Amino acid sequence: MIQVIHRAIDILELVANDPERPKPLGEIAKGVSLNAATVANIVKTLVGRGFLEKLDLQKGYLPGKKLLQISGNTIYKQELIAAADSEMLKLSKKLQENVLLAVLNGDSRIIVHHHEYKQLVQATSAEEKKAYDSSTGRLLIALHDSDFQNKFIQKHGLPAAAVWAEASTQKKFLACTEKIKADGYAVIEDTTQILGIAAPVYKKGLLMAAVSVYLPAFRCDDAKREAIIKAILKTAAAISANLN
């Protein structure tokens, strides 16, 4: 029994050490020096308990929601957070608004780092939120290829009209994601009247995360919206440069 626990921990550590890249079963087995059948049984249990997530498209495994929750997302808080922290702080001070950094996990976007700017009326955002109901989630989905998007829809469905009416059919979804891809950023006023504007973070050309400014919608006129878009694109580019 103890041996099985050690093996499960070895597998979790292997996946968590490089959390953005899906690990195929064979790679995991080789990395922990076990046969594939043994690893498959342990991994199946870890997926069932939410500690690992299986990605069918990439044929690999990533840290699951449960592992992210109990670790406080620290598995992402090394290279990515180090590259983003100072840039996010500068952006928050410049715009006098909240800034967050998020990754996609299953059908949710999960905040891995944030800077809050105290305002009389303060915007809040849940640490874990449905991807369709967030600017970072929509952006991260849109910037993946069509195969990923089709798999995502097959597994999680299209957005509910109450959450993202403009993308509630296959045709509308494609139009929305193509626009986000063309713009290079995503904007949303979510179901709680919080406005979010997100831009992508890359490492050597690979999509890693999204950085977002979020604020009460009433506080953002057209001029401020354009200023935020310009600033967030610059910040995302700076974070990406720090990662390369």
C-alpha atoms as a PDB file:
ATOM      1  CA  MET A   1       0.000   0.000   0.000  1.00  0.00           C
ATOM      2  CA  ILE A   2       2.791   2.438   0.891  1.00  0.00           C
ATOM      3  CA  GLN A   3       4.551   1.549  -2.352  1.00  0.00           C
ATOM      4  CA  VAL A   4       1.446   2.535  -4.322  1.00  0.00           C
ATOM      5  CA  ILE A   5       1.299   5.870  -2.498  1.00  0.00           C
ATOM      6  CA  HIS A   6       4.953   6.544  -3.347  1.00  0.00           C
ATOM      7  CA  ARG A   7       4.290   5.725  -6.985  1.00  0.00           C
ATOM      8  CA  ALA A   8       1.261   8.036  -7.108  1.00  0.00           C
ATOM      9  CA  ILE A   9       3.289  10.869  -5.599  1.00  0.00           C
ATOM     10  CA  ASP A  10       6.108  10.259  -8.097  1.00  0.00           C
ATOM     11  CA  ILE A  11       3.604  10.560 -10.947  1.00  0.00           C
ATOM     12  CA  LEU A  12       2.075  13.772  -9.556  1.00  0.00           C
ATOM     13  CA  GLU A  13       5.516  15.318  -9.102  1.00  0.00           C
ATOM     14  CA  LEU A  14       6.513  14.407 -12.651  1.00  0.00           C
ATOM     15  CA  VAL A  15       3.415  16.024 -14.150  1.00  0.00           C
ATOM     16  CA  ALA A  16       3.562  19.063 -11.850  1.00  0.00           C
ATOM     17  CA  ASN A  17       7.220  19.789 -12.642  1.00  0.00           C
ATOM     18  CA  ASP A  18       6.209  20.849 -16.163  1.00  0.00           C
ATOM     19  CA  PRO A  19       2.543  21.726 -15.697  1.00  0.00           C
ATOM     20  CA  GLU A  20       1.816  23.363 -19.052  1.00  0.00           C
ATOM     21  CA  ARG A  21       2.881  20.427 -21.258  1.00  0.00           C
ATOM     22  CA  PRO A  22       0.623  17.342 -21.437  1.00  0.00           C
ATOM     23  CA  LYS A  23       2.520  14.141 -20.559  1.00  0.00           C
ATOM     24  CA  PRO A  24       1.643  10.975 -22.523  1.00  0.00           C
ATOM     25  CA  LEU A  25       1.231   7.805 -20.499  1.00  0.00           C
ATOM     26  CA  GLY A  26       4.400   6.287 -21.958  1.00  0.00           C
ATOM     27  CA  GLU A  27       6.461   9.312 -20.964  1.00  0.00           C
ATOM     28  CA  ILE A  28       5.093   9.171 -17.429  1.00  0.00           C
ATOM     29  CA  ALA A  29       5.888   5.445 -17.176  1.00  0.00           C
ATOM     30  CA  LYS A  30       9.441   6.025 -18.368  1.00  0.00           C
ATOM     31  CA  GLY A  31       9.885   8.993 -16.057  1.00  0.00           C
ATOM     32  CA  VAL A  32       8.924   7.038 -12.944  1.00  0.00           C
ATOM     33  CA  SER A  33      10.556   3.767 -14.107  1.00  0.00           C
ATOM     34  CA  LEU A  34       7.356   1.705 -14.052  1.00  0.00           C
ATOM     35  CA  ASN A  35       5.592  -0.378 -16.664  1.00  0.00           C
ATOM     36  CA  ALA A  36       2.751   1.275 -18.573  1.00  0.00           C
ATOM     37  CA  ALA A  37       0.045  -1.014 -17.168  1.00  0.00           C
ATOM     38  CA  THR A  38       0.916  -0.120 -13.574  1.00  0.00           C
ATOM     39  CA  VAL A  39       1.043   3.583 -14.376  1.00  0.00           C
ATOM     40  CA  ALA A  40      -2.257   3.401 -16.279  1.00  0.00           C
ATOM     41  CA  ASN A  41      -4.049   2.041 -13.207  1.00  0.00           C
ATOM     42  CA  ILE A  42      -2.630   4.699 -10.896  1.00  0.00           C
ATOM     43  CA  VAL A  43      -3.258   7.511 -13.376  1.00  0.00           C
ATOM     44  CA  LYS A  44      -6.856   6.370 -13.865  1.00  0.00           C
ATOM     45  CA  THR A  45      -7.436   6.732 -10.116  1.00  0.00           C
ATOM     46  CA  LEU A  46      -5.734  10.142 -10.011  1.00  0.00           C
ATOM     47  CA  VAL A  47      -7.903  11.366 -12.895  1.00  0.00           C
ATOM     48  CA  GLY A  48     -11.014  10.048 -11.183  1.00  0.00           C
ATOM     49  CA  ARG A  49     -10.125  11.933  -7.992  1.00  0.00           C
ATOM     50  CA  GLY A  50      -9.353  15.163  -9.885  1.00  0.00           C
ATOM     51  CA  PHE A  51      -5.603  15.219  -9.252  1.00  0.00           C
ATOM     52  CA  LEU A  52      -4.806  14.780 -12.946  1.00  0.00           C
ATOM     53  CA  GLU A  53      -6.702  15.864 -16.048  1.00  0.00           C
ATOM     54  CA  LYS A  54      -6.703  13.807 -19.248  1.00  0.00           C
ATOM     55  CA  LEU A  55      -6.489  15.749 -22.493  1.00  0.00           C
ATOM     56  CA  ASP A  56      -7.808  13.591 -25.308  1.00  0.00           C
ATOM     57  CA  LEU A  57      -6.615  15.852 -28.104  1.00  0.00           C
ATOM     58  CA  GLN A  58      -2.994  16.065 -26.970  1.00  0.00           C
ATOM     59  CA  LYS A  59      -3.116  12.475 -25.637  1.00  0.00           C
ATOM     60  CA  GLY A  60      -1.572  13.428 -22.328  1.00  0.00           C
ATOM     61  CA  TYR A  61      -2.123  14.456 -18.716  1.00  0.00           C
ATOM     62  CA  LEU A  62      -1.952  17.781 -16.881  1.00  0.00           C
ATOM     63  CA  PRO A  63      -2.405  18.718 -13.211  1.00  0.00           C
ATOM     64  CA  GLY A  64      -6.095  18.482 -12.283  1.00  0.00           C
ATOM     65  CA  LYS A  65      -8.257  20.925 -10.367  1.00  0.00           C
ATOM     66  CA  LYS A  66      -7.814  19.104  -7.059  1.00  0.00           C
ATOM     67  CA  LEU A  67      -4.023  19.241  -7.322  1.00  0.00           C
ATOM     68  CA  LEU A  68      -4.163  22.938  -8.183  1.00  0.00           C
ATOM     69  CA  GLN A  69      -6.491  23.629  -5.260  1.00  0.00           C
ATOM     70  CA  ILE A  70      -4.435  21.884  -2.591  1.00  0.00           C
ATOM     71  CA  SER A  71      -1.185  23.367  -3.912  1.00  0.00           C
ATOM     72  CA  GLY A  72      -2.607  26.887  -4.008  1.00  0.00           C
ATOM     73  CA  ASN A  73      -1.553  26.860  -7.681  1.00  0.00           C
ATOM     74  CA  THR A  74       2.103  26.897  -6.586  1.00  0.00           C
ATOM     75  CA  ILE A  75       2.982  24.461  -9.368  1.00  0.00           C
ATOM     76  CA  TYR A  76       2.538  27.421 -11.701  1.00  0.00           C
ATOM     77  CA  LYS A  77       4.244  29.928  -9.385  1.00  0.00           C
ATOM     78  CA  GLN A  78       7.815  29.601 -10.469  1.00  0.00           C
ATOM     79  CA  GLU A  79       8.864  30.635 -13.945  1.00  0.00           C
ATOM     80  CA  LEU A  80       5.469  31.963 -15.024  1.00  0.00           C
ATOM     81  CA  ILE A  81       4.802  34.038 -11.914  1.00  0.00           C
ATOM     82  CA  ALA A  82       8.365  35.306 -11.758  1.00  0.00           C
ATOM     83  CA  ALA A  83       8.067  36.508 -15.343  1.00  0.00           C
ATOM     84  CA  ALA A  84       4.676  38.144 -14.772  1.00  0.00           C
ATOM     85  CA  ASP A  85       4.728  39.627 -11.262  1.00  0.00           C
ATOM     86  CA  SER A  86       6.490  42.951 -11.786  1.00  0.00           C
ATOM     87  CA  GLU A  87       4.779  43.603 -15.126  1.00  0.00           C
ATOM     88  CA  MET A  88       1.365  42.941 -13.600  1.00  0.00           C
ATOM     89  CA  LEU A  89       2.116  45.243 -10.670  1.00  0.00           C
ATOM     90  CA  LYS A  90       3.151  48.066 -13.019  1.00  0.00           C
ATOM     91  CA  LEU A  91      -0.018  47.599 -15.044  1.00  0.00           C
ATOM     92  CA  SER A  92      -2.227  47.611 -11.956  1.00  0.00           C
ATOM     93  CA  LYS A  93      -0.675  50.839 -10.693  1.00  0.00           C
ATOM     94  CA  LYS A  94      -0.832  52.496 -14.102  1.00  0.00           C
ATOM     95  CA  LEU A  95      -4.500  51.729 -14.700  1.00  0.00           C
ATOM     96  CA  GLN A  96      -5.497  51.732 -11.013  1.00  0.00           C
ATOM     97  CA  GLU A  97      -7.396  48.493 -11.540  1.00  0.00           C
ATOM     98  CA  ASN A  98      -7.084  44.807 -10.684  1.00  0.00           C
ATOM     99  CA  VAL A  99      -4.909  42.503 -12.785  1.00  0.00           C
ATOM    100  CA  LEU A 100      -4.914  38.697 -12.861  1.00  0.00           C
ATOM    101  CA  LEU A 101      -3.028  35.886 -14.552  1.00  0.00           C
ATOM    102  CA  ALA A 102      -4.953  32.720 -15.438  1.00  0.00           C
ATOM    103  CA  VAL A 103      -4.602  29.324 -17.085  1.00  0.00           C
ATOM    104  CA  LEU A 104      -7.163  26.993 -18.654  1.00  0.00           C
ATOM    105  CA  ASN A 105      -7.986  23.791 -16.787  1.00  0.00           C
ATOM    106  CA  GLY A 106     -10.815  21.636 -18.076  1.00  0.00           C
ATOM    107  CA  ASP A 107     -13.799  23.917 -18.666  1.00  0.00           C
ATOM    108  CA  SER A 108     -12.552  26.486 -16.148  1.00  0.00           C
ATOM    109  CA  ARG A 109     -10.048  29.264 -16.017  1.00  0.00           C
ATOM    110  CA  ILE A 110      -8.012  29.307 -12.829  1.00  0.00           C
ATOM    111  CA  ILE A 111      -6.252  32.374 -11.420  1.00  0.00           C
ATOM    112  CA  VAL A 112      -2.617  31.644 -10.636  1.00  0.00           C
ATOM    113  CA  HIS A 113      -1.570  35.168  -9.644  1.00  0.00           C
ATOM    114  CA  HIS A 114      -3.152  38.579  -9.200  1.00  0.00           C
ATOM    115  CA  HIS A 115      -2.596  42.158  -8.071  1.00  0.00           C
ATOM    116  CA  GLU A 116      -5.464  44.118  -6.565  1.00  0.00           C
ATOM    117  CA  TYR A 117      -5.795  47.895  -6.669  1.00  0.00           C
ATOM    118  CA  LYS A 118      -8.022  49.223  -3.906  1.00  0.00           C
ATOM    119  CA  GLN A 119     -10.954  51.251  -5.171  1.00  0.00           C
ATOM    120  CA  LEU A 120     -14.070  52.547  -3.429  1.00  0.00           C
ATOM    121  CA  VAL A 121     -16.075  50.153  -5.605  1.00  0.00           C
ATOM    122  CA  GLN A 122     -14.002  46.985  -5.919  1.00  0.00           C
ATOM    123  CA  ALA A 123     -14.293  44.309  -8.601  1.00  0.00           C
ATOM    124  CA  THR A 124     -13.890  40.711  -7.493  1.00  0.00           C
ATOM    125  CA  SER A 125     -13.300  37.537  -9.467  1.00  0.00           C
ATOM    126  CA  ALA A 126     -13.487  33.932  -8.301  1.00  0.00           C
ATOM    127  CA  GLU A 127     -10.247  31.944  -8.278  1.00  0.00           C
ATOM    128  CA  GLU A 128     -11.934  29.312 -10.451  1.00  0.00           C
ATOM    129  CA  LYS A 129     -14.557  30.304 -12.984  1.00  0.00           C
ATOM    130  CA  LYS A 130     -16.161  28.774 -16.072  1.00  0.00           C
ATOM    131  CA  ALA A 131     -13.972  29.592 -19.048  1.00  0.00           C
ATOM    132  CA  TYR A 132     -16.870  30.800 -21.194  1.00  0.00           C
ATOM    133  CA  ASP A 133     -17.745  33.397 -18.542  1.00  0.00           C
ATOM    134  CA  SER A 134     -14.319  35.074 -18.425  1.00  0.00           C
ATOM    135  CA  SER A 135     -12.149  37.075 -20.802  1.00  0.00           C
ATOM    136  CA  THR A 136      -9.102  34.903 -20.089  1.00  0.00           C
ATOM    137  CA  GLY A 137     -11.048  31.678 -20.640  1.00  0.00           C
ATOM    138  CA  ARG A 138     -12.536  32.839 -23.931  1.00  0.00           C
ATOM    139  CA  LEU A 139      -9.143  34.033 -25.124  1.00  0.00           C
ATOM    140  CA  LEU A 140      -7.351  30.787 -24.237  1.00  0.00           C
ATOM    141  CA  ILE A 141     -10.019  28.728 -26.010  1.00  0.00           C
ATOM    142  CA  ALA A 142     -10.048  30.992 -29.072  1.00  0.00           C
ATOM    143  CA  LEU A 143      -6.283  30.908 -29.545  1.00  0.00           C
ATOM    144  CA  HIS A 144      -6.166  27.110 -29.717  1.00  0.00           C
ATOM    145  CA  ASP A 145      -6.670  25.438 -33.079  1.00  0.00           C
ATOM    146  CA  SER A 146      -9.999  24.143 -34.405  1.00  0.00           C
ATOM    147  CA  ASP A 147      -9.273  20.554 -33.335  1.00  0.00           C
ATOM    148  CA  PHE A 148      -8.881  21.661 -29.720  1.00  0.00           C
ATOM    149  CA  GLN A 149     -12.038  23.768 -29.917  1.00  0.00           C
ATOM    150  CA  ASN A 150     -14.072  20.921 -31.395  1.00  0.00           C
ATOM    151  CA  LYS A 151     -12.889  18.570 -28.642  1.00  0.00           C
ATOM    152  CA  PHE A 152     -13.671  21.237 -26.041  1.00  0.00           C
ATOM    153  CA  ILE A 153     -17.223  21.643 -27.362  1.00  0.00           C
ATOM    154  CA  GLN A 154     -17.743  17.870 -27.545  1.00  0.00           C
ATOM    155  CA  LYS A 155     -16.691  17.510 -23.911  1.00  0.00           C
ATOM    156  CA  HIS A 156     -18.109  20.666 -22.352  1.00  0.00           C
ATOM    157  CA  GLY A 157     -20.774  21.869 -24.786  1.00  0.00           C
ATOM    158  CA  LEU A 158     -21.351  25.267 -26.361  1.00  0.00           C
ATOM    159  CA  PRO A 159     -21.807  28.333 -24.133  1.00  0.00           C
ATOM    160  CA  ALA A 160     -25.235  28.860 -22.646  1.00  0.00           C
ATOM    161  CA  ALA A 161     -27.007  31.877 -24.136  1.00  0.00           C
ATOM    162  CA  ALA A 162     -27.174  33.461 -20.683  1.00  0.00           C
ATOM    163  CA  VAL A 163     -23.360  33.329 -20.455  1.00  0.00           C
ATOM    164  CA  TRP A 164     -22.199  34.043 -24.021  1.00  0.00           C
ATOM    165  CA  ALA A 165     -25.189  34.603 -26.303  1.00  0.00           C
ATOM    166  CA  GLU A 166     -23.015  35.636 -29.249  1.00  0.00           C
ATOM    167  CA  ALA A 167     -21.389  32.168 -29.265  1.00  0.00           C
ATOM    168  CA  SER A 168     -24.300  29.913 -28.343  1.00  0.00           C
ATOM    169  CA  THR A 169     -24.369  28.065 -31.690  1.00  0.00           C
ATOM    170  CA  GLN A 170     -21.537  26.384 -33.588  1.00  0.00           C
ATOM    171  CA  LYS A 171     -21.578  29.084 -36.284  1.00  0.00           C
ATOM    172  CA  LYS A 172     -21.661  31.918 -33.768  1.00  0.00           C
ATOM    173  CA  PHE A 173     -18.937  30.282 -31.670  1.00  0.00           C
ATOM    174  CA  LEU A 174     -16.635  30.075 -34.699  1.00  0.00           C
ATOM    175  CA  ALA A 175     -17.284  33.719 -35.589  1.00  0.00           C
ATOM    176  CA  CYS A 176     -16.547  34.861 -32.029  1.00  0.00           C
ATOM    177  CA  THR A 177     -13.349  32.852 -31.654  1.00  0.00           C
ATOM    178  CA  GLU A 178     -12.107  33.988 -35.064  1.00  0.00           C
ATOM    179  CA  LYS A 179     -12.666  37.624 -34.067  1.00  0.00           C
ATOM    180  CA  ILE A 180     -10.789  37.140 -30.797  1.00  0.00           C
ATOM    181  CA  LYS A 181      -7.951  35.486 -32.683  1.00  0.00           C
ATOM    182  CA  ALA A 182      -7.831  38.331 -35.214  1.00  0.00           C
ATOM    183  CA  ASP A 183      -7.936  41.016 -32.501  1.00  0.00           C
ATOM    184  CA  GLY A 184      -5.321  39.298 -30.324  1.00  0.00           C
ATOM    185  CA  TYR A 185      -7.303  40.002 -27.161  1.00  0.00           C
ATOM    186  CA  ALA A 186     -10.716  39.276 -25.608  1.00  0.00           C
ATOM    187  CA  VAL A 187     -13.242  41.575 -23.944  1.00  0.00           C
ATOM    188  CA  ILE A 188     -16.197  40.498 -21.818  1.00  0.00           C
ATOM    189  CA  GLU A 189     -18.789  42.015 -19.563  1.00  0.00           C
ATOM    190  CA  ASP A 190     -19.619  38.916 -17.541  1.00  0.00           C
ATOM    191  CA  THR A 191     -22.747  37.793 -15.731  1.00  0.00           C
ATOM    192  CA  THR A 192     -21.850  39.911 -12.691  1.00  0.00           C
ATOM    193  CA  GLN A 193     -21.279  43.121 -14.701  1.00  0.00           C
ATOM    194  CA  ILE A 194     -17.512  42.899 -14.359  1.00  0.00           C
ATOM    195  CA  LEU A 195     -15.610  43.984 -17.454  1.00  0.00           C
ATOM    196  CA  GLY A 196     -12.549  41.907 -18.302  1.00  0.00           C
ATOM    197  CA  ILE A 197      -9.975  42.500 -21.017  1.00  0.00           C
ATOM    198  CA  ALA A 198      -7.396  39.753 -21.600  1.00  0.00           C
ATOM    199  CA  ALA A 199      -4.248  39.272 -23.671  1.00  0.00           C
ATOM    200  CA  PRO A 200      -2.182  36.103 -24.248  1.00  0.00           C
ATOM    201  CA  VAL A 201       1.138  35.088 -22.704  1.00  0.00           C
ATOM    202  CA  TYR A 202       3.474  32.874 -24.730  1.00  0.00           C
ATOM    203  CA  LYS A 203       6.676  30.988 -24.081  1.00  0.00           C
ATOM    204  CA  LYS A 204       8.712  30.398 -27.233  1.00  0.00           C
ATOM    205  CA  GLY A 205       5.569  30.551 -29.331  1.00  0.00           C
ATOM    206  CA  LEU A 206       3.510  28.254 -27.088  1.00  0.00           C
ATOM    207  CA  LEU A 207       0.373  29.621 -25.431  1.00  0.00           C
ATOM    208  CA  MET A 208       0.923  29.560 -21.668  1.00  0.00           C
ATOM    209  CA  ALA A 209      -1.615  31.792 -19.929  1.00  0.00           C
ATOM    210  CA  ALA A 210      -3.617  34.989 -20.192  1.00  0.00           C
ATOM    211  CA  VAL A 211      -3.296  38.253 -18.314  1.00  0.00           C
ATOM    212  CA  SER A 212      -6.406  40.317 -17.672  1.00  0.00           C
ATOM    213  CA  VAL A 213      -7.522  43.662 -16.285  1.00  0.00           C
ATOM    214  CA  TYR A 214     -10.932  43.468 -14.598  1.00  0.00           C
ATOM    215  CA  LEU A 215     -13.116  46.245 -13.201  1.00  0.00           C
ATOM    216  CA  PRO A 216     -16.770  47.216 -12.683  1.00  0.00           C
ATOM    217  CA  ALA A 217     -18.266  47.820 -16.125  1.00  0.00           C
ATOM    218  CA  PHE A 218     -19.687  51.222 -15.184  1.00  0.00           C
ATOM    219  CA  ARG A 219     -16.145  52.540 -14.602  1.00  0.00           C
ATOM    220  CA  CYS A 220     -14.981  51.909 -18.167  1.00  0.00           C
ATOM    221  CA  ASP A 221     -15.856  54.354 -20.943  1.00  0.00           C
ATOM    222  CA  ASP A 222     -14.610  54.016 -24.537  1.00  0.00           C
ATOM    223  CA  ALA A 223     -11.415  55.961 -23.875  1.00  0.00           C
ATOM    224  CA  LYS A 224     -10.474  53.876 -20.853  1.00  0.00           C
ATOM    225  CA  ARG A 225     -11.297  50.679 -22.702  1.00  0.00           C
ATOM    226  CA  GLU A 226      -8.886  51.583 -25.496  1.00  0.00           C
ATOM    227  CA  ALA A 227      -6.218  52.552 -22.954  1.00  0.00           C
ATOM    228  CA  ILE A 228      -6.615  49.194 -21.193  1.00  0.00           C
ATOM    229  CA  ILE A 229      -6.368  47.245 -24.453  1.00  0.00           C
ATOM    230  CA  LYS A 230      -3.182  49.053 -25.437  1.00  0.00           C
ATOM    231  CA  ALA A 231      -1.648  48.603 -21.991  1.00  0.00           C
ATOM    232  CA  ILE A 232      -2.581  44.947 -21.551  1.00  0.00           C
ATOM    233  CA  LEU A 233      -1.167  43.978 -24.947  1.00  0.00           C
ATOM    234  CA  LYS A 234       2.085  45.691 -24.005  1.00  0.00           C
ATOM    235  CA  THR A 235       2.149  43.920 -20.621  1.00  0.00           C
ATOM    236  CA  ALA A 236       1.427  40.509 -22.144  1.00  0.00           C
ATOM    237  CA  ALA A 237       4.241  41.019 -24.645  1.00  0.00           C
ATOM    238  CA  ALA A 238       6.626  41.960 -21.830  1.00  0.00           C
ATOM    239  CA  ILE A 239       5.722  38.861 -19.810  1.00  0.00           C
ATOM    240  CA  SER A 240       6.187  36.693 -22.904  1.00  0.00           C
ATOM    241  CA  ALA A 241       9.588  38.267 -23.496  1.00  0.00           C
ATOM    242  CA  ASN A 242      10.565  37.464 -19.913  1.00  0.00           C
ATOM    243  CA  LEU A 243       9.675  33.820 -20.522  1.00  0.00           C
ATOM    244  CA  ASN A 244      11.698  33.478 -23.728  1.00  0.00           C
END
